[in-house]
Amino acid sequence: MSQQSSRTPLRLLLPAAAAACLALSACGSSPGPSMEELESQVAPSTDAAAPVADPSALAELRFDPEKVTCDPRITTNARGAWETSAPRTEVSKSAPLKLRDNNGSGDVPVTATVSAPDGTTYKAEASVSADKWVELAFPGDFADASLAPGPFTVVWTTDKGAYIACDGFKGA
């Protein structure tokens, strides 16, 4: 028996390898959020007796739509396993801003403070109940607010001033 008959010709392996490579790369053509993006949307739990956040530190928070993070990084001092949601595409009419506590530890009054690209701030209050999402619409639920081009920063705090999380979106 010839040794050549048990070998696959190289001209047949190259197209098969190319097809396999294309198939594998196509699976990742529309990647989901990176681990850093997910971590920025979930604030870690801390002790319930944590102090109220320093308002000047919260005023310095800025959302970067390219990195999908807020800087500087601040650790939450509100009890719970918090998640936020905001649009990841440019917004021209209304931005749904959402917050929930995965631990669902009861009713928690919260405040969303939105900083516009020009530094103007707007506030709206809501209440998170159990592990359900609370949703506020920007600008609709914020007095005298309007959309403008550029990054908007959303800082969530409890009614007692404890920092929950930072998120944001980009106006068109």
N, C-alpha and C. Protein backbone atom coordinates (compact mmCIF):
# COMPACT_ATOMS: atom_id res chain seq x y z
N MET A 1 0.84 -1.16 0.00
CA MET A 1 0.00 0.00 0.00
C MET A 1 0.88 1.22 0.00
N SER A 2 0.49 2.17 -0.75
CA SER A 2 1.27 3.39 -0.91
C SER A 2 1.07 4.28 0.31
N GLN A 3 2.12 4.95 0.71
CA GLN A 3 2.06 5.83 1.86
C GLN A 3 1.24 7.08 1.54
N GLN A 4 1.18 7.50 0.28
CA GLN A 4 0.46 8.69 -0.12
C GLN A 4 -1.06 8.53 0.02
N SER A 5 -1.60 7.36 -0.10
CA SER A 5 -3.04 7.18 -0.03
C SER A 5 -3.59 7.39 1.37
N SER A 6 -2.77 7.26 2.41
CA SER A 6 -3.25 7.46 3.77
C SER A 6 -3.10 8.91 4.23
N ARG A 7 -2.48 9.74 3.43
CA ARG A 7 -2.30 11.15 3.77
C ARG A 7 -3.32 12.01 3.04
N THR A 8 -3.79 13.04 3.68
CA THR A 8 -4.69 13.98 3.03
C THR A 8 -3.83 15.02 2.34
N PRO A 9 -4.10 15.26 1.06
CA PRO A 9 -3.30 16.24 0.34
C PRO A 9 -3.42 17.63 0.97
N LEU A 10 -2.34 18.37 0.98
CA LEU A 10 -2.27 19.71 1.55
C LEU A 10 -3.28 20.65 0.90
N ARG A 11 -3.54 20.48 -0.39
CA ARG A 11 -4.48 21.36 -1.08
C ARG A 11 -5.90 21.18 -0.57
N LEU A 12 -6.23 20.07 0.10
CA LEU A 12 -7.55 19.89 0.69
C LEU A 12 -7.61 20.42 2.12
N LEU A 13 -6.49 20.39 2.83
CA LEU A 13 -6.47 20.85 4.21
C LEU A 13 -6.55 22.37 4.33
N LEU A 14 -5.91 23.09 3.43
CA LEU A 14 -5.90 24.54 3.52
C LEU A 14 -7.30 25.16 3.42
N PRO A 15 -8.13 24.76 2.45
CA PRO A 15 -9.49 25.34 2.42
C PRO A 15 -10.31 24.95 3.65
N ALA A 16 -10.14 23.74 4.16
CA ALA A 16 -10.88 23.31 5.35
C ALA A 16 -10.45 24.13 6.56
N ALA A 17 -9.16 24.38 6.69
CA ALA A 17 -8.65 25.18 7.80
C ALA A 17 -9.15 26.62 7.70
N ALA A 18 -9.17 27.18 6.50
CA ALA A 18 -9.65 28.54 6.30
C ALA A 18 -11.14 28.64 6.65
N ALA A 19 -11.92 27.66 6.24
CA ALA A 19 -13.36 27.66 6.55
C ALA A 19 -13.59 27.57 8.06
N ALA A 20 -12.82 26.74 8.73
CA ALA A 20 -12.96 26.59 10.19
C ALA A 20 -12.60 27.90 10.88
N CYS A 21 -11.57 28.55 10.42
CA CYS A 21 -11.14 29.82 11.01
C CYS A 21 -12.23 30.88 10.83
N LEU A 22 -12.81 30.96 9.64
CA LEU A 22 -13.87 31.93 9.39
C LEU A 22 -15.10 31.63 10.24
N ALA A 23 -15.43 30.37 10.40
CA ALA A 23 -16.59 30.00 11.20
C ALA A 23 -16.39 30.40 12.66
N LEU A 24 -15.19 30.18 13.19
CA LEU A 24 -14.91 30.55 14.56
C LEU A 24 -14.90 32.05 14.76
N SER A 25 -14.36 32.80 13.82
CA SER A 25 -14.32 34.25 13.97
C SER A 25 -15.70 34.86 13.79
N ALA A 26 -16.58 34.25 13.05
CA ALA A 26 -17.94 34.76 12.85
C ALA A 26 -18.73 34.69 14.14
N CYS A 27 -18.42 33.74 15.01
CA CYS A 27 -19.12 33.63 16.28
C CYS A 27 -18.90 34.85 17.15
N GLY A 28 -17.77 35.50 17.00
CA GLY A 28 -17.47 36.66 17.81
C GLY A 28 -17.62 37.96 17.07
N SER A 29 -18.35 37.99 15.97
CA SER A 29 -18.44 39.21 15.18
C SER A 29 -19.26 40.30 15.87
N SER A 30 -20.13 39.96 16.78
CA SER A 30 -20.91 40.94 17.51
C SER A 30 -20.73 40.68 19.00
N PRO A 31 -19.59 41.11 19.56
CA PRO A 31 -19.30 40.77 20.94
C PRO A 31 -20.23 41.48 21.92
N GLY A 32 -20.46 40.84 23.04
CA GLY A 32 -21.24 41.45 24.11
C GLY A 32 -20.34 42.37 24.91
N PRO A 33 -20.82 42.86 26.04
CA PRO A 33 -20.01 43.75 26.84
C PRO A 33 -18.80 43.03 27.43
N SER A 34 -17.72 43.78 27.61
CA SER A 34 -16.52 43.21 28.20
C SER A 34 -16.74 43.04 29.71
N MET A 35 -15.83 42.33 30.34
CA MET A 35 -15.93 42.13 31.78
C MET A 35 -15.85 43.48 32.50
N GLU A 36 -15.02 44.40 32.01
CA GLU A 36 -14.90 45.72 32.61
C GLU A 36 -16.23 46.49 32.53
N GLU A 37 -16.92 46.38 31.37
CA GLU A 37 -18.21 47.05 31.21
C GLU A 37 -19.24 46.48 32.17
N LEU A 38 -19.25 45.15 32.32
CA LEU A 38 -20.20 44.53 33.23
C LEU A 38 -19.91 44.92 34.68
N GLU A 39 -18.63 44.93 35.07
CA GLU A 39 -18.27 45.30 36.43
C GLU A 39 -18.65 46.74 36.72
N SER A 40 -18.56 47.62 35.73
CA SER A 40 -18.90 49.01 35.96
C SER A 40 -20.40 49.20 36.16
N GLN A 41 -21.20 48.24 35.72
CA GLN A 41 -22.65 48.34 35.84
C GLN A 41 -23.17 47.71 37.12
N VAL A 42 -22.33 46.92 37.79
CA VAL A 42 -22.74 46.27 39.02
C VAL A 42 -21.86 46.78 40.15
N ALA A 43 -22.46 47.42 41.12
CA ALA A 43 -21.69 47.93 42.24
C ALA A 43 -21.63 46.87 43.33
N PRO A 44 -20.46 46.60 43.91
CA PRO A 44 -20.36 45.58 44.94
C PRO A 44 -21.09 45.97 46.21
N SER A 45 -21.51 44.96 46.99
CA SER A 45 -22.18 45.19 48.25
C SER A 45 -21.18 45.64 49.31
N THR A 46 -21.66 46.45 50.25
CA THR A 46 -20.82 46.85 51.36
C THR A 46 -21.65 46.81 52.63
N ASP A 47 -21.06 47.17 53.72
CA ASP A 47 -21.71 47.18 55.02
C ASP A 47 -22.85 48.20 55.04
N ALA A 48 -23.96 47.85 55.68
CA ALA A 48 -25.11 48.75 55.75
C ALA A 48 -24.80 50.00 56.55
N ALA A 49 -23.82 49.94 57.44
CA ALA A 49 -23.49 51.09 58.27
C ALA A 49 -22.46 52.00 57.61
N ALA A 50 -22.24 51.83 56.33
CA ALA A 50 -21.24 52.64 55.62
C ALA A 50 -21.62 54.11 55.66
N PRO A 51 -20.64 55.00 55.63
CA PRO A 51 -20.93 56.43 55.71
C PRO A 51 -21.56 56.96 54.42
N VAL A 52 -22.17 58.12 54.55
CA VAL A 52 -22.73 58.81 53.39
C VAL A 52 -21.56 59.23 52.50
N ALA A 53 -21.77 59.17 51.19
CA ALA A 53 -20.71 59.52 50.25
C ALA A 53 -20.41 61.02 50.31
N ASP A 54 -19.17 61.37 50.12
CA ASP A 54 -18.74 62.76 50.08
C ASP A 54 -19.33 63.40 48.82
N PRO A 55 -20.19 64.40 48.96
CA PRO A 55 -20.81 65.02 47.78
C PRO A 55 -19.81 65.57 46.77
N SER A 56 -18.66 66.07 47.25
CA SER A 56 -17.68 66.60 46.30
C SER A 56 -17.08 65.47 45.46
N ALA A 57 -16.92 64.27 46.05
CA ALA A 57 -16.40 63.12 45.28
C ALA A 57 -17.43 62.70 44.23
N LEU A 58 -18.70 62.72 44.58
CA LEU A 58 -19.75 62.34 43.63
C LEU A 58 -19.84 63.36 42.50
N ALA A 59 -19.62 64.63 42.80
CA ALA A 59 -19.68 65.68 41.78
C ALA A 59 -18.56 65.54 40.75
N GLU A 60 -17.47 64.87 41.12
CA GLU A 60 -16.34 64.68 40.21
C GLU A 60 -16.54 63.51 39.24
N LEU A 61 -17.51 62.65 39.51
CA LEU A 61 -17.74 61.49 38.64
C LEU A 61 -18.13 61.94 37.23
N ARG A 62 -17.51 61.30 36.23
CA ARG A 62 -17.84 61.58 34.83
C ARG A 62 -17.90 60.26 34.07
N PHE A 63 -18.94 60.12 33.27
CA PHE A 63 -19.14 58.92 32.45
C PHE A 63 -18.38 59.07 31.14
N ASP A 64 -17.64 58.04 30.77
CA ASP A 64 -16.91 58.00 29.50
C ASP A 64 -17.62 57.01 28.59
N PRO A 65 -18.36 57.49 27.55
CA PRO A 65 -19.11 56.57 26.69
C PRO A 65 -18.23 55.62 25.88
N GLU A 66 -16.97 55.99 25.64
CA GLU A 66 -16.07 55.10 24.89
C GLU A 66 -15.64 53.91 25.74
N LYS A 67 -15.37 54.15 27.01
CA LYS A 67 -14.94 53.08 27.92
C LYS A 67 -16.12 52.44 28.65
N VAL A 68 -17.28 53.08 28.62
CA VAL A 68 -18.49 52.66 29.34
C VAL A 68 -18.19 52.50 30.83
N THR A 69 -17.49 53.50 31.38
CA THR A 69 -17.17 53.52 32.81
C THR A 69 -17.26 54.95 33.32
N CYS A 70 -17.31 55.07 34.64
CA CYS A 70 -17.25 56.37 35.29
C CYS A 70 -15.90 56.51 35.96
N ASP A 71 -15.35 57.72 35.88
CA ASP A 71 -14.09 58.02 36.55
C ASP A 71 -14.29 59.24 37.42
N PRO A 72 -13.66 59.33 38.58
CA PRO A 72 -12.85 58.28 39.19
C PRO A 72 -13.72 57.15 39.72
N ARG A 73 -13.10 56.01 39.92
CA ARG A 73 -13.84 54.84 40.45
C ARG A 73 -14.12 55.06 41.93
N ILE A 74 -15.37 54.88 42.31
CA ILE A 74 -15.78 55.00 43.71
C ILE A 74 -16.53 53.72 44.08
N THR A 75 -16.21 53.16 45.22
CA THR A 75 -16.91 51.96 45.69
C THR A 75 -18.21 52.37 46.37
N THR A 76 -19.24 51.61 46.09
CA THR A 76 -20.55 51.91 46.68
C THR A 76 -20.49 51.84 48.20
N ASN A 77 -21.31 52.66 48.84
CA ASN A 77 -21.44 52.53 50.29
C ASN A 77 -22.90 52.32 50.66
N ALA A 78 -23.68 51.80 49.71
CA ALA A 78 -25.08 51.46 49.94
C ALA A 78 -25.21 49.93 49.95
N ARG A 79 -25.93 49.42 50.92
CA ARG A 79 -26.11 47.99 51.04
C ARG A 79 -26.91 47.45 49.86
N GLY A 80 -26.47 46.34 49.27
CA GLY A 80 -27.21 45.71 48.18
C GLY A 80 -26.28 45.25 47.07
N ALA A 81 -26.87 44.59 46.09
CA ALA A 81 -26.15 44.15 44.88
C ALA A 81 -26.79 44.90 43.72
N TRP A 82 -26.29 46.07 43.44
CA TRP A 82 -26.93 47.01 42.53
C TRP A 82 -26.52 46.81 41.09
N GLU A 83 -27.49 47.01 40.20
CA GLU A 83 -27.28 46.99 38.75
C GLU A 83 -27.91 48.24 38.16
N THR A 84 -27.25 48.79 37.16
CA THR A 84 -27.80 49.94 36.45
C THR A 84 -27.97 49.59 34.98
N SER A 85 -28.77 50.39 34.32
CA SER A 85 -28.96 50.24 32.88
C SER A 85 -29.19 51.62 32.28
N ALA A 86 -28.51 51.87 31.17
CA ALA A 86 -28.66 53.12 30.43
C ALA A 86 -28.38 52.82 28.97
N PRO A 87 -28.86 53.65 28.05
CA PRO A 87 -28.62 53.39 26.62
C PRO A 87 -27.13 53.39 26.28
N ARG A 88 -26.74 52.50 25.38
CA ARG A 88 -25.36 52.43 24.92
C ARG A 88 -25.21 52.96 23.50
N THR A 89 -26.30 53.48 22.94
CA THR A 89 -26.27 54.17 21.66
C THR A 89 -26.69 55.61 21.92
N GLU A 90 -26.34 56.52 21.02
CA GLU A 90 -26.69 57.92 21.20
C GLU A 90 -28.20 58.10 21.31
N VAL A 91 -28.60 59.00 22.20
CA VAL A 91 -30.01 59.25 22.48
C VAL A 91 -30.39 60.62 21.94
N SER A 92 -31.51 60.66 21.20
CA SER A 92 -31.97 61.94 20.67
C SER A 92 -33.31 62.39 21.26
N LYS A 93 -34.06 61.48 21.88
CA LYS A 93 -35.37 61.85 22.42
C LYS A 93 -35.50 61.59 23.92
N SER A 94 -35.29 60.34 24.35
CA SER A 94 -35.46 59.99 25.76
C SER A 94 -34.54 58.83 26.12
N ALA A 95 -33.91 58.95 27.29
CA ALA A 95 -33.00 57.90 27.76
C ALA A 95 -33.62 57.20 28.97
N PRO A 96 -33.92 55.89 28.86
CA PRO A 96 -34.41 55.15 30.02
C PRO A 96 -33.24 54.83 30.96
N LEU A 97 -33.36 55.27 32.20
CA LEU A 97 -32.33 55.05 33.21
C LEU A 97 -32.90 54.10 34.25
N LYS A 98 -32.24 52.96 34.44
CA LYS A 98 -32.80 51.93 35.32
C LYS A 98 -31.82 51.57 36.44
N LEU A 99 -32.42 51.12 37.55
CA LEU A 99 -31.65 50.68 38.71
C LEU A 99 -32.43 49.57 39.40
N ARG A 100 -31.68 48.59 39.94
CA ARG A 100 -32.32 47.57 40.77
C ARG A 100 -31.31 46.99 41.73
N ASP A 101 -31.83 46.35 42.78
CA ASP A 101 -31.02 45.67 43.79
C ASP A 101 -31.29 44.18 43.63
N ASN A 102 -30.30 43.44 43.13
CA ASN A 102 -30.48 42.00 42.95
C ASN A 102 -30.80 41.28 44.25
N ASN A 103 -30.36 41.83 45.39
CA ASN A 103 -30.67 41.20 46.68
C ASN A 103 -32.13 41.41 47.06
N GLY A 104 -32.75 42.42 46.49
CA GLY A 104 -34.16 42.69 46.75
C GLY A 104 -34.47 42.85 48.21
N SER A 105 -33.69 43.67 48.90
CA SER A 105 -33.82 43.77 50.36
C SER A 105 -34.93 44.71 50.82
N GLY A 106 -35.88 45.04 49.98
CA GLY A 106 -37.00 45.87 50.40
C GLY A 106 -37.12 47.13 49.57
N ASP A 107 -37.92 48.07 50.06
CA ASP A 107 -38.11 49.35 49.37
C ASP A 107 -36.99 50.31 49.76
N VAL A 108 -36.35 50.87 48.73
CA VAL A 108 -35.24 51.81 48.96
C VAL A 108 -35.51 53.07 48.15
N PRO A 109 -35.76 54.20 48.81
CA PRO A 109 -35.89 55.47 48.08
C PRO A 109 -34.53 55.85 47.50
N VAL A 110 -34.51 56.23 46.22
CA VAL A 110 -33.27 56.58 45.54
C VAL A 110 -33.40 57.91 44.81
N THR A 111 -32.26 58.51 44.52
CA THR A 111 -32.20 59.74 43.74
C THR A 111 -31.24 59.52 42.58
N ALA A 112 -31.66 59.93 41.39
CA ALA A 112 -30.78 59.91 40.23
C ALA A 112 -30.40 61.36 39.94
N THR A 113 -29.10 61.62 39.95
CA THR A 113 -28.59 62.95 39.61
C THR A 113 -27.90 62.84 38.26
N VAL A 114 -28.40 63.57 37.28
CA VAL A 114 -27.85 63.52 35.93
C VAL A 114 -27.08 64.82 35.68
N SER A 115 -25.81 64.66 35.29
CA SER A 115 -24.98 65.81 34.92
C SER A 115 -24.90 65.88 33.40
N ALA A 116 -25.31 67.01 32.85
CA ALA A 116 -25.27 67.23 31.40
C ALA A 116 -23.84 67.55 30.96
N PRO A 117 -23.57 67.49 29.66
CA PRO A 117 -22.23 67.81 29.17
C PRO A 117 -21.73 69.20 29.59
N ASP A 118 -22.64 70.17 29.78
CA ASP A 118 -22.24 71.52 30.19
C ASP A 118 -22.09 71.67 31.70
N GLY A 119 -22.31 70.57 32.47
CA GLY A 119 -22.15 70.60 33.92
C GLY A 119 -23.44 70.85 34.68
N THR A 120 -24.53 71.21 34.00
CA THR A 120 -25.81 71.40 34.66
C THR A 120 -26.29 70.07 35.23
N THR A 121 -26.86 70.09 36.44
CA THR A 121 -27.35 68.85 37.06
C THR A 121 -28.86 68.89 37.22
N TYR A 122 -29.45 67.71 37.11
CA TYR A 122 -30.89 67.51 37.25
C TYR A 122 -31.11 66.33 38.17
N LYS A 123 -32.18 66.40 39.00
CA LYS A 123 -32.45 65.30 39.93
C LYS A 123 -33.88 64.80 39.78
N ALA A 124 -34.03 63.49 40.03
CA ALA A 124 -35.36 62.86 40.09
C ALA A 124 -35.30 61.78 41.16
N GLU A 125 -36.43 61.57 41.81
CA GLU A 125 -36.51 60.57 42.88
C GLU A 125 -37.39 59.42 42.45
N ALA A 126 -37.10 58.25 43.01
CA ALA A 126 -37.88 57.04 42.74
C ALA A 126 -37.70 56.11 43.93
N SER A 127 -38.27 54.93 43.83
CA SER A 127 -38.12 53.93 44.89
C SER A 127 -37.91 52.57 44.27
N VAL A 128 -36.84 51.90 44.69
CA VAL A 128 -36.56 50.54 44.22
C VAL A 128 -37.30 49.60 45.15
N SER A 129 -38.05 48.68 44.58
CA SER A 129 -38.83 47.74 45.37
C SER A 129 -38.38 46.32 45.08
N ALA A 130 -37.96 45.62 46.13
CA ALA A 130 -37.46 44.24 46.02
C ALA A 130 -36.37 44.19 44.96
N ASP A 131 -36.45 43.23 44.02
CA ASP A 131 -35.42 43.13 42.98
C ASP A 131 -35.94 43.62 41.63
N LYS A 132 -36.98 44.45 41.65
CA LYS A 132 -37.58 44.98 40.42
C LYS A 132 -36.81 46.22 39.95
N TRP A 133 -36.76 46.39 38.63
CA TRP A 133 -36.13 47.58 38.06
C TRP A 133 -37.02 48.79 38.30
N VAL A 134 -36.43 49.90 38.70
CA VAL A 134 -37.12 51.18 38.70
C VAL A 134 -36.58 51.92 37.48
N GLU A 135 -37.46 52.62 36.77
CA GLU A 135 -37.03 53.32 35.56
C GLU A 135 -37.44 54.78 35.60
N LEU A 136 -36.48 55.63 35.27
CA LEU A 136 -36.72 57.05 35.09
C LEU A 136 -36.36 57.40 33.65
N ALA A 137 -37.12 58.29 33.04
CA ALA A 137 -36.83 58.71 31.67
C ALA A 137 -36.18 60.09 31.71
N PHE A 138 -35.04 60.21 31.03
CA PHE A 138 -34.39 61.51 30.91
C PHE A 138 -34.62 62.03 29.50
N PRO A 139 -35.16 63.22 29.33
CA PRO A 139 -35.37 64.28 30.29
C PRO A 139 -36.75 64.31 30.94
N GLY A 140 -37.69 63.50 30.50
CA GLY A 140 -39.09 63.56 30.95
C GLY A 140 -39.33 63.59 32.44
N ASP A 141 -38.61 62.79 33.23
CA ASP A 141 -38.84 62.72 34.67
C ASP A 141 -37.98 63.69 35.47
N PHE A 142 -37.22 64.54 34.79
CA PHE A 142 -36.31 65.48 35.45
C PHE A 142 -36.75 66.90 35.12
N ALA A 143 -37.07 67.70 36.15
CA ALA A 143 -37.57 69.06 35.96
C ALA A 143 -36.59 69.92 35.17
N ASP A 144 -37.12 70.61 34.17
CA ASP A 144 -36.37 71.58 33.35
C ASP A 144 -35.19 70.97 32.60
N ALA A 145 -35.15 69.67 32.43
CA ALA A 145 -34.03 69.00 31.75
C ALA A 145 -34.24 68.97 30.25
N SER A 146 -33.12 68.87 29.54
CA SER A 146 -33.17 68.71 28.08
C SER A 146 -31.94 67.93 27.63
N LEU A 147 -32.07 67.30 26.48
CA LEU A 147 -30.95 66.55 25.90
C LEU A 147 -30.06 67.49 25.10
N ALA A 148 -28.79 67.14 25.04
CA ALA A 148 -27.80 67.88 24.26
C ALA A 148 -26.77 66.88 23.77
N PRO A 149 -25.99 67.23 22.78
CA PRO A 149 -24.93 66.31 22.34
C PRO A 149 -23.86 66.16 23.42
N GLY A 150 -23.36 64.94 23.59
CA GLY A 150 -22.27 64.69 24.52
C GLY A 150 -22.63 63.72 25.62
N PRO A 151 -21.66 63.44 26.49
CA PRO A 151 -21.87 62.46 27.55
C PRO A 151 -22.63 63.02 28.74
N PHE A 152 -23.58 62.23 29.24
CA PHE A 152 -24.35 62.54 30.44
C PHE A 152 -23.93 61.52 31.51
N THR A 153 -23.75 62.00 32.74
CA THR A 153 -23.38 61.13 33.85
C THR A 153 -24.58 60.97 34.76
N VAL A 154 -24.87 59.72 35.16
CA VAL A 154 -25.99 59.43 36.05
C VAL A 154 -25.42 58.85 37.34
N VAL A 155 -25.65 59.55 38.46
CA VAL A 155 -25.19 59.08 39.77
C VAL A 155 -26.42 58.74 40.60
N TRP A 156 -26.48 57.49 41.05
CA TRP A 156 -27.58 57.00 41.86
C TRP A 156 -27.15 57.00 43.33
N THR A 157 -28.00 57.56 44.21
CA THR A 157 -27.76 57.56 45.65
C THR A 157 -29.06 57.18 46.36
N THR A 158 -28.93 56.78 47.64
CA THR A 158 -30.13 56.54 48.44
C THR A 158 -30.65 57.89 48.91
N ASP A 159 -31.85 57.89 49.48
CA ASP A 159 -32.40 59.15 49.99
C ASP A 159 -31.59 59.68 51.17
N LYS A 160 -30.75 58.83 51.76
CA LYS A 160 -29.89 59.24 52.88
C LYS A 160 -28.52 59.73 52.38
N GLY A 161 -28.28 59.66 51.06
CA GLY A 161 -27.04 60.16 50.49
C GLY A 161 -25.96 59.12 50.28
N ALA A 162 -26.27 57.85 50.56
CA ALA A 162 -25.27 56.80 50.33
C ALA A 162 -25.14 56.55 48.82
N TYR A 163 -23.90 56.49 48.34
CA TYR A 163 -23.63 56.27 46.92
C TYR A 163 -23.97 54.84 46.53
N ILE A 164 -24.72 54.69 45.42
CA ILE A 164 -25.08 53.37 44.90
C ILE A 164 -24.23 53.04 43.69
N ALA A 165 -24.33 53.85 42.63
CA ALA A 165 -23.63 53.52 41.38
C ALA A 165 -23.59 54.73 40.46
N CYS A 166 -22.73 54.61 39.47
CA CYS A 166 -22.59 55.63 38.42
C CYS A 166 -22.76 54.95 37.07
N ASP A 167 -23.44 55.61 36.16
CA ASP A 167 -23.64 55.11 34.80
C ASP A 167 -23.76 56.34 33.92
N GLY A 168 -24.15 56.15 32.68
CA GLY A 168 -24.33 57.29 31.82
C GLY A 168 -24.75 56.91 30.42
N PHE A 169 -24.89 57.92 29.58
CA PHE A 169 -25.30 57.72 28.19
C PHE A 169 -24.78 58.91 27.40
N LYS A 170 -24.95 58.85 26.09
CA LYS A 170 -24.47 59.93 25.23
C LYS A 170 -25.65 60.52 24.46
N GLY A 171 -25.78 61.83 24.56
CA GLY A 171 -26.82 62.54 23.81
C GLY A 171 -26.37 62.76 22.38
N ALA A 172 -27.34 62.72 21.47
CA ALA A 172 -27.02 62.90 20.03
C ALA A 172 -27.03 64.37 19.66
